[in-house]
């Protein structure tokens, strides 16, 4: 099998507001058209009776016009969300490399995000240093900001 990474899906309470956050803070780019799916095929594929899905694809920064996307969708009916935890099994966070972690952290918070821990610098086994922190977006999804010593 040959594979190519394409996208990661993020289910939002309000996909428009969350997409706006990722475009304003990280420079993600809207890829038309907006999506609006429902019907037998969606029900069969999701296993959800009456499924209705709306949202958008956003091109992630740093990879050009053919790079991967984050797919931010909302279902018409949503399950309750568990409390945010960085150690919950499954997909844990999305990471962005930034020039300055402190400045990026302030930008995320100014747009409705929240810090989970502190900004720290760690040294890897090969001696390189990375400064990083965990925050959440406005809906509680975990984001890692990182900056590698050059």
N, C-alpha and C. Protein backbone atom coordinates (compact mmCIF):
# COMPACT_ATOMS: atom_id res chain seq x y z
N UNK A 1 0.84 -1.18 0.00
CA UNK A 1 0.00 0.00 0.00
C UNK A 1 0.88 1.24 0.00
N UNK A 2 0.49 2.23 -0.78
CA UNK A 2 1.14 3.52 -0.78
C UNK A 2 0.13 4.52 -0.23
N UNK A 3 0.56 5.41 0.66
CA UNK A 3 -0.37 6.35 1.28
C UNK A 3 0.19 7.77 1.25
N UNK A 4 -0.71 8.74 1.33
CA UNK A 4 -0.36 10.15 1.38
C UNK A 4 -1.28 10.81 2.39
N UNK A 5 -0.70 11.55 3.33
CA UNK A 5 -1.51 12.26 4.33
C UNK A 5 -2.33 13.34 3.64
N UNK A 6 -3.62 13.44 4.00
CA UNK A 6 -4.52 14.37 3.33
C UNK A 6 -5.09 15.42 4.28
N UNK A 7 -5.78 14.98 5.35
CA UNK A 7 -6.37 15.93 6.28
C UNK A 7 -6.64 15.30 7.64
N UNK A 8 -6.89 16.17 8.60
CA UNK A 8 -7.38 15.77 9.92
C UNK A 8 -8.72 16.47 10.11
N UNK A 9 -9.69 15.75 10.64
CA UNK A 9 -11.02 16.30 10.87
C UNK A 9 -11.17 16.74 12.31
N UNK A 10 -11.78 17.91 12.50
CA UNK A 10 -12.05 18.45 13.82
C UNK A 10 -13.54 18.77 13.86
N UNK A 11 -14.27 18.15 14.77
CA UNK A 11 -15.70 18.42 14.91
C UNK A 11 -15.88 19.57 15.88
N UNK A 12 -16.61 20.57 15.43
CA UNK A 12 -16.78 21.81 16.20
C UNK A 12 -18.25 22.01 16.59
N UNK A 13 -18.46 22.74 17.67
CA UNK A 13 -19.81 23.18 18.01
C UNK A 13 -20.26 24.21 16.97
N UNK A 14 -19.36 25.13 16.62
CA UNK A 14 -19.64 26.17 15.64
C UNK A 14 -18.47 26.21 14.66
N UNK A 15 -18.61 25.52 13.53
CA UNK A 15 -17.48 25.39 12.61
C UNK A 15 -17.04 26.74 12.04
N UNK A 16 -17.97 27.66 11.84
CA UNK A 16 -17.59 28.97 11.28
C UNK A 16 -16.67 29.74 12.23
N UNK A 17 -17.03 29.78 13.51
CA UNK A 17 -16.20 30.49 14.49
C UNK A 17 -14.84 29.82 14.65
N UNK A 18 -14.82 28.49 14.68
CA UNK A 18 -13.55 27.79 14.86
C UNK A 18 -12.67 27.94 13.62
N UNK A 19 -13.26 27.90 12.44
CA UNK A 19 -12.49 28.13 11.21
C UNK A 19 -11.92 29.55 11.20
N UNK A 20 -12.68 30.51 11.66
CA UNK A 20 -12.20 31.89 11.74
C UNK A 20 -10.99 31.97 12.68
N UNK A 21 -11.05 31.28 13.82
CA UNK A 21 -9.93 31.26 14.75
C UNK A 21 -8.67 30.75 14.06
N UNK A 22 -8.75 29.61 13.37
CA UNK A 22 -7.57 29.02 12.74
C UNK A 22 -7.05 29.86 11.56
N UNK A 23 -7.93 30.57 10.86
CA UNK A 23 -7.46 31.43 9.78
C UNK A 23 -6.81 32.70 10.33
N UNK A 24 -7.41 33.30 11.36
CA UNK A 24 -6.87 34.53 11.93
C UNK A 24 -5.58 34.32 12.71
N UNK A 25 -5.53 33.27 13.51
CA UNK A 25 -4.37 33.05 14.39
C UNK A 25 -3.21 32.38 13.66
N UNK A 26 -3.48 31.34 12.87
CA UNK A 26 -2.41 30.55 12.27
C UNK A 26 -2.24 30.75 10.76
N UNK A 27 -3.10 31.53 10.15
CA UNK A 27 -2.98 31.77 8.72
C UNK A 27 -3.44 30.62 7.85
N UNK A 28 -4.29 29.76 8.37
CA UNK A 28 -4.87 28.70 7.54
C UNK A 28 -5.72 29.35 6.45
N UNK A 29 -5.85 28.69 5.31
CA UNK A 29 -6.53 29.28 4.16
C UNK A 29 -7.75 28.45 3.78
N UNK A 30 -8.89 29.13 3.65
CA UNK A 30 -10.15 28.51 3.26
C UNK A 30 -10.03 27.89 1.87
N UNK A 31 -10.44 26.63 1.73
CA UNK A 31 -10.46 25.93 0.45
C UNK A 31 -11.93 25.71 0.07
N UNK A 32 -12.46 26.49 -0.89
CA UNK A 32 -13.86 26.32 -1.28
C UNK A 32 -14.11 24.95 -1.90
N UNK A 33 -15.36 24.52 -1.89
CA UNK A 33 -16.54 25.19 -1.35
C UNK A 33 -16.79 24.79 0.09
N UNK A 34 -17.73 25.50 0.74
CA UNK A 34 -18.21 25.03 2.03
C UNK A 34 -18.88 23.69 1.80
N UNK A 35 -18.76 22.80 2.77
CA UNK A 35 -19.37 21.47 2.64
C UNK A 35 -20.72 21.42 3.35
N UNK A 36 -21.65 20.68 2.77
CA UNK A 36 -22.98 20.47 3.35
C UNK A 36 -23.44 19.08 2.89
N UNK A 37 -23.30 18.11 3.76
CA UNK A 37 -23.58 16.72 3.41
C UNK A 37 -24.72 16.16 4.26
N UNK A 38 -25.59 15.39 3.59
CA UNK A 38 -26.62 14.62 4.28
C UNK A 38 -27.15 13.58 3.31
N UNK A 39 -27.89 12.64 3.83
CA UNK A 39 -28.47 11.63 2.97
C UNK A 39 -28.00 10.23 3.30
N UNK A 40 -28.44 9.29 2.48
CA UNK A 40 -28.18 7.87 2.74
C UNK A 40 -26.69 7.52 2.80
N UNK A 41 -25.89 8.05 1.89
CA UNK A 41 -24.46 7.72 1.88
C UNK A 41 -23.78 8.21 3.15
N UNK A 42 -24.10 9.43 3.61
CA UNK A 42 -23.50 9.95 4.84
C UNK A 42 -23.96 9.12 6.04
N UNK A 43 -25.23 8.77 6.08
CA UNK A 43 -25.74 7.94 7.17
C UNK A 43 -25.03 6.59 7.20
N UNK A 44 -24.86 5.99 6.02
CA UNK A 44 -24.20 4.68 5.95
C UNK A 44 -22.72 4.79 6.34
N UNK A 45 -22.05 5.83 5.86
CA UNK A 45 -20.63 5.98 6.14
C UNK A 45 -20.33 6.32 7.58
N UNK A 46 -21.20 7.10 8.22
CA UNK A 46 -20.98 7.50 9.62
C UNK A 46 -21.64 6.57 10.61
N UNK A 47 -22.63 5.80 10.16
CA UNK A 47 -23.39 4.97 11.08
C UNK A 47 -24.36 5.77 11.93
N UNK A 48 -24.67 7.01 11.50
CA UNK A 48 -25.56 7.89 12.26
C UNK A 48 -26.84 8.15 11.46
N UNK A 49 -27.95 7.74 12.01
CA UNK A 49 -29.25 7.98 11.37
C UNK A 49 -29.52 9.48 11.34
N UNK A 50 -29.90 10.00 10.18
CA UNK A 50 -30.22 11.42 10.05
C UNK A 50 -29.02 12.35 10.09
N UNK A 51 -27.83 11.83 9.82
CA UNK A 51 -26.61 12.65 9.89
C UNK A 51 -26.68 13.83 8.92
N UNK A 52 -26.24 14.98 9.40
CA UNK A 52 -26.13 16.19 8.59
C UNK A 52 -24.85 16.89 9.02
N UNK A 53 -23.99 17.13 8.06
CA UNK A 53 -22.63 17.61 8.32
C UNK A 53 -22.36 18.84 7.47
N UNK A 54 -21.87 19.92 8.11
CA UNK A 54 -21.50 21.13 7.38
C UNK A 54 -20.12 21.56 7.83
N UNK A 55 -19.41 22.27 6.96
CA UNK A 55 -18.09 22.74 7.36
C UNK A 55 -17.22 23.17 6.21
N UNK A 56 -15.91 23.13 6.46
CA UNK A 56 -14.94 23.70 5.54
C UNK A 56 -13.60 22.99 5.68
N UNK A 57 -12.82 23.02 4.62
CA UNK A 57 -11.42 22.60 4.67
C UNK A 57 -10.55 23.84 4.73
N UNK A 58 -9.53 23.83 5.58
CA UNK A 58 -8.56 24.92 5.67
C UNK A 58 -7.18 24.36 5.38
N UNK A 59 -6.49 24.97 4.42
CA UNK A 59 -5.12 24.56 4.10
C UNK A 59 -4.22 24.98 5.26
N UNK A 60 -3.42 24.04 5.76
CA UNK A 60 -2.50 24.32 6.86
C UNK A 60 -1.32 25.15 6.35
N UNK A 61 -0.78 26.03 7.19
CA UNK A 61 0.30 26.91 6.74
C UNK A 61 1.62 26.16 6.56
N UNK A 62 2.43 26.67 5.61
CA UNK A 62 3.78 26.17 5.45
C UNK A 62 3.98 25.09 4.40
N UNK A 63 2.94 24.70 3.67
CA UNK A 63 3.06 23.59 2.73
C UNK A 63 2.60 23.92 1.31
N UNK A 64 2.26 25.15 1.03
CA UNK A 64 1.86 25.52 -0.32
C UNK A 64 0.45 25.09 -0.68
N UNK A 65 0.14 25.22 -1.97
CA UNK A 65 -1.21 25.01 -2.46
C UNK A 65 -1.69 23.56 -2.46
N UNK A 66 -0.80 22.61 -2.27
CA UNK A 66 -1.22 21.20 -2.28
C UNK A 66 -1.01 20.53 -0.92
N UNK A 67 -0.74 21.31 0.10
CA UNK A 67 -0.48 20.76 1.43
C UNK A 67 -1.74 20.23 2.09
N UNK A 68 -1.56 19.58 3.24
CA UNK A 68 -2.69 18.99 3.96
C UNK A 68 -3.63 20.05 4.53
N UNK A 69 -4.82 19.60 4.87
CA UNK A 69 -5.83 20.50 5.42
C UNK A 69 -6.30 20.03 6.79
N UNK A 70 -6.91 20.96 7.49
CA UNK A 70 -7.70 20.62 8.67
C UNK A 70 -9.15 20.83 8.22
N UNK A 71 -9.95 19.81 8.44
CA UNK A 71 -11.35 19.81 8.04
C UNK A 71 -12.16 20.13 9.29
N UNK A 72 -12.79 21.29 9.32
CA UNK A 72 -13.57 21.70 10.49
C UNK A 72 -15.05 21.58 10.12
N UNK A 73 -15.70 20.63 10.75
CA UNK A 73 -17.10 20.31 10.45
C UNK A 73 -17.94 20.39 11.72
N UNK A 74 -19.23 20.55 11.53
CA UNK A 74 -20.21 20.44 12.62
C UNK A 74 -21.30 19.49 12.19
N UNK A 75 -21.69 18.60 13.07
CA UNK A 75 -22.87 17.77 12.87
C UNK A 75 -24.08 18.52 13.40
N UNK A 76 -25.23 18.31 12.79
CA UNK A 76 -26.46 18.94 13.26
C UNK A 76 -26.77 18.48 14.69
N UNK A 77 -26.43 17.22 15.00
CA UNK A 77 -26.61 16.70 16.36
C UNK A 77 -25.23 16.33 16.90
N UNK A 78 -24.88 16.89 18.05
CA UNK A 78 -23.56 16.65 18.64
C UNK A 78 -23.69 15.90 19.97
N UNK A 79 -22.73 15.03 20.23
CA UNK A 79 -22.62 14.38 21.53
C UNK A 79 -21.97 15.35 22.51
N UNK A 80 -22.14 15.11 23.80
CA UNK A 80 -21.48 15.93 24.82
C UNK A 80 -19.97 15.73 24.73
N UNK A 81 -19.23 16.78 24.96
CA UNK A 81 -17.78 16.72 24.90
C UNK A 81 -17.21 16.46 26.30
N UNK A 82 -16.28 15.51 26.42
CA UNK A 82 -15.64 15.32 27.72
C UNK A 82 -14.70 16.49 28.02
N UNK A 83 -14.32 16.62 29.27
CA UNK A 83 -13.39 17.67 29.67
C UNK A 83 -12.05 17.49 28.94
N UNK A 84 -11.42 18.60 28.58
CA UNK A 84 -10.13 18.55 27.88
C UNK A 84 -9.07 17.91 28.77
N UNK A 85 -8.29 17.00 28.19
CA UNK A 85 -7.18 16.37 28.90
C UNK A 85 -6.11 15.99 27.88
N UNK A 86 -4.87 16.39 28.12
CA UNK A 86 -3.81 16.10 27.17
C UNK A 86 -3.39 14.64 27.19
N UNK A 87 -3.77 13.90 28.21
CA UNK A 87 -3.36 12.50 28.33
C UNK A 87 -4.49 11.51 28.00
N UNK A 88 -5.53 11.98 27.33
CA UNK A 88 -6.62 11.09 26.93
C UNK A 88 -6.17 10.29 25.70
N UNK A 89 -6.40 8.97 25.67
CA UNK A 89 -6.03 8.18 24.49
C UNK A 89 -6.73 8.70 23.22
N UNK A 90 -6.06 8.54 22.12
CA UNK A 90 -6.59 9.02 20.84
C UNK A 90 -5.79 10.22 20.37
N UNK A 91 -6.27 10.91 19.34
CA UNK A 91 -5.58 12.10 18.86
C UNK A 91 -5.56 13.14 19.96
N UNK A 92 -4.40 13.67 20.27
CA UNK A 92 -4.26 14.53 21.43
C UNK A 92 -4.19 16.01 21.10
N UNK A 93 -3.44 16.40 20.06
CA UNK A 93 -3.31 17.82 19.76
C UNK A 93 -2.84 18.05 18.34
N UNK A 94 -2.96 19.30 17.92
CA UNK A 94 -2.40 19.75 16.65
C UNK A 94 -1.25 20.69 17.01
N UNK A 95 -0.13 20.60 16.30
CA UNK A 95 1.05 21.41 16.63
C UNK A 95 1.38 22.37 15.50
N UNK A 96 1.79 23.57 15.90
CA UNK A 96 2.23 24.59 14.96
C UNK A 96 3.62 25.07 15.38
N UNK A 97 4.56 25.09 14.45
CA UNK A 97 5.87 25.68 14.71
C UNK A 97 5.74 27.18 14.50
N UNK A 98 6.22 27.96 15.46
CA UNK A 98 6.12 29.42 15.43
C UNK A 98 7.49 30.02 15.71
N UNK A 99 7.67 31.27 15.33
CA UNK A 99 8.94 31.96 15.60
C UNK A 99 9.13 32.22 17.08
N UNK A 100 8.05 32.61 17.77
CA UNK A 100 8.13 33.01 19.17
C UNK A 100 6.93 32.43 19.91
N UNK A 101 7.17 31.49 20.80
CA UNK A 101 6.08 30.81 21.50
C UNK A 101 5.29 31.77 22.38
N UNK A 102 5.97 32.67 23.09
CA UNK A 102 5.26 33.61 23.96
C UNK A 102 4.33 34.52 23.17
N UNK A 103 4.80 35.05 22.05
CA UNK A 103 3.97 35.93 21.22
C UNK A 103 2.79 35.15 20.64
N UNK A 104 3.04 33.94 20.18
CA UNK A 104 1.96 33.11 19.62
C UNK A 104 0.95 32.75 20.71
N UNK A 105 1.43 32.47 21.90
CA UNK A 105 0.55 32.15 23.03
C UNK A 105 -0.38 33.32 23.33
N UNK A 106 0.16 34.53 23.32
CA UNK A 106 -0.67 35.71 23.56
C UNK A 106 -1.73 35.88 22.46
N UNK A 107 -1.34 35.58 21.21
CA UNK A 107 -2.27 35.68 20.08
C UNK A 107 -3.41 34.66 20.22
N UNK A 108 -3.07 33.44 20.58
CA UNK A 108 -4.09 32.40 20.78
C UNK A 108 -5.06 32.83 21.88
N UNK A 109 -4.53 33.30 22.99
CA UNK A 109 -5.39 33.73 24.10
C UNK A 109 -6.24 34.94 23.73
N UNK A 110 -5.69 35.86 22.93
CA UNK A 110 -6.45 37.03 22.49
C UNK A 110 -7.64 36.65 21.61
N UNK A 111 -7.57 35.47 20.99
CA UNK A 111 -8.65 34.98 20.13
C UNK A 111 -9.50 33.92 20.82
N UNK A 112 -9.44 33.82 22.14
CA UNK A 112 -10.34 32.93 22.87
C UNK A 112 -9.75 31.62 23.34
N UNK A 113 -8.46 31.38 23.08
CA UNK A 113 -7.82 30.16 23.56
C UNK A 113 -7.39 30.29 25.01
N UNK A 114 -6.99 29.17 25.61
CA UNK A 114 -6.58 29.15 27.03
C UNK A 114 -5.34 28.30 27.22
N UNK A 115 -4.45 28.74 28.10
CA UNK A 115 -3.25 27.97 28.45
C UNK A 115 -3.64 26.74 29.26
N UNK A 116 -2.92 25.64 29.04
CA UNK A 116 -3.12 24.43 29.84
C UNK A 116 -1.98 24.25 30.84
N UNK A 117 -0.80 24.60 30.46
CA UNK A 117 0.37 24.45 31.33
C UNK A 117 1.21 25.71 31.23
N UNK A 118 2.50 25.53 31.22
CA UNK A 118 3.42 26.65 31.12
C UNK A 118 4.26 26.52 29.86
N UNK A 119 4.89 27.61 29.47
CA UNK A 119 5.87 27.56 28.38
C UNK A 119 7.15 26.99 28.98
N UNK A 120 7.70 25.95 28.33
CA UNK A 120 8.91 25.30 28.82
C UNK A 120 9.89 25.12 27.67
N UNK A 121 11.16 24.94 28.04
CA UNK A 121 12.19 24.60 27.06
C UNK A 121 12.80 23.28 27.49
N UNK A 122 12.88 22.35 26.54
CA UNK A 122 13.44 21.03 26.80
C UNK A 122 14.60 20.79 25.85
N UNK A 123 15.55 20.00 26.30
CA UNK A 123 16.67 19.60 25.45
C UNK A 123 16.48 18.14 25.07
N UNK A 124 16.59 17.86 23.76
CA UNK A 124 16.42 16.48 23.28
C UNK A 124 17.69 15.67 23.55
N UNK A 125 17.62 14.38 23.32
CA UNK A 125 18.77 13.50 23.53
C UNK A 125 19.95 13.86 22.63
N UNK A 126 19.67 14.52 21.49
CA UNK A 126 20.77 14.89 20.60
C UNK A 126 21.24 16.34 20.82
N UNK A 127 20.68 17.00 21.83
CA UNK A 127 21.16 18.31 22.22
C UNK A 127 20.42 19.51 21.65
N UNK A 128 19.45 19.30 20.78
CA UNK A 128 18.67 20.43 20.28
C UNK A 128 17.65 20.85 21.33
N UNK A 129 17.27 22.12 21.29
CA UNK A 129 16.31 22.64 22.27
C UNK A 129 15.02 23.04 21.58
N UNK A 130 13.93 22.75 22.27
CA UNK A 130 12.61 23.14 21.78
C UNK A 130 11.87 23.84 22.92
N UNK A 131 11.29 24.98 22.60
CA UNK A 131 10.43 25.71 23.53
C UNK A 131 9.00 25.44 23.06
N UNK A 132 8.13 25.09 24.01
CA UNK A 132 6.78 24.70 23.64
C UNK A 132 5.80 24.94 24.77
N UNK A 133 4.51 24.88 24.42
CA UNK A 133 3.44 24.92 25.42
C UNK A 133 2.18 24.32 24.81
N UNK A 134 1.26 23.95 25.68
CA UNK A 134 -0.06 23.48 25.28
C UNK A 134 -1.09 24.55 25.63
N UNK A 135 -1.99 24.79 24.69
CA UNK A 135 -3.13 25.67 24.90
C UNK A 135 -4.35 24.98 24.32
N UNK A 136 -5.50 25.61 24.46
CA UNK A 136 -6.68 25.12 23.76
C UNK A 136 -7.16 26.20 22.81
N UNK A 137 -7.87 25.76 21.77
CA UNK A 137 -8.57 26.72 20.92
C UNK A 137 -9.86 27.10 21.67
N UNK A 138 -10.69 27.98 21.13
CA UNK A 138 -11.89 28.40 21.86
C UNK A 138 -12.88 27.29 22.20
N UNK A 139 -12.78 26.12 21.54
CA UNK A 139 -13.70 25.02 21.84
C UNK A 139 -13.05 23.93 22.70
N UNK A 140 -11.83 24.15 23.16
CA UNK A 140 -11.19 23.20 24.07
C UNK A 140 -10.31 22.16 23.41
N UNK A 141 -10.06 22.26 22.10
CA UNK A 141 -9.15 21.35 21.41
C UNK A 141 -7.72 21.77 21.70
N UNK A 142 -6.84 20.81 21.94
CA UNK A 142 -5.48 21.11 22.37
C UNK A 142 -4.59 21.48 21.18
N UNK A 143 -3.83 22.56 21.36
CA UNK A 143 -2.86 23.05 20.39
C UNK A 143 -1.50 23.08 21.06
N UNK A 144 -0.47 22.61 20.36
CA UNK A 144 0.90 22.78 20.82
C UNK A 144 1.56 23.86 19.97
N UNK A 145 2.20 24.80 20.63
CA UNK A 145 3.04 25.79 19.96
C UNK A 145 4.47 25.39 20.23
N UNK A 146 5.31 25.39 19.21
CA UNK A 146 6.71 24.98 19.40
C UNK A 146 7.64 25.85 18.57
N UNK A 147 8.85 26.05 19.13
CA UNK A 147 9.89 26.77 18.43
C UNK A 147 11.22 26.07 18.72
N UNK A 148 11.89 25.67 17.64
CA UNK A 148 13.14 24.95 17.77
C UNK A 148 14.32 25.90 17.71
N UNK A 149 15.29 25.69 18.60
CA UNK A 149 16.51 26.50 18.60
C UNK A 149 17.26 26.26 17.30
N UNK A 150 17.67 27.32 16.69
CA UNK A 150 18.36 27.19 15.40
C UNK A 150 19.83 27.44 15.54
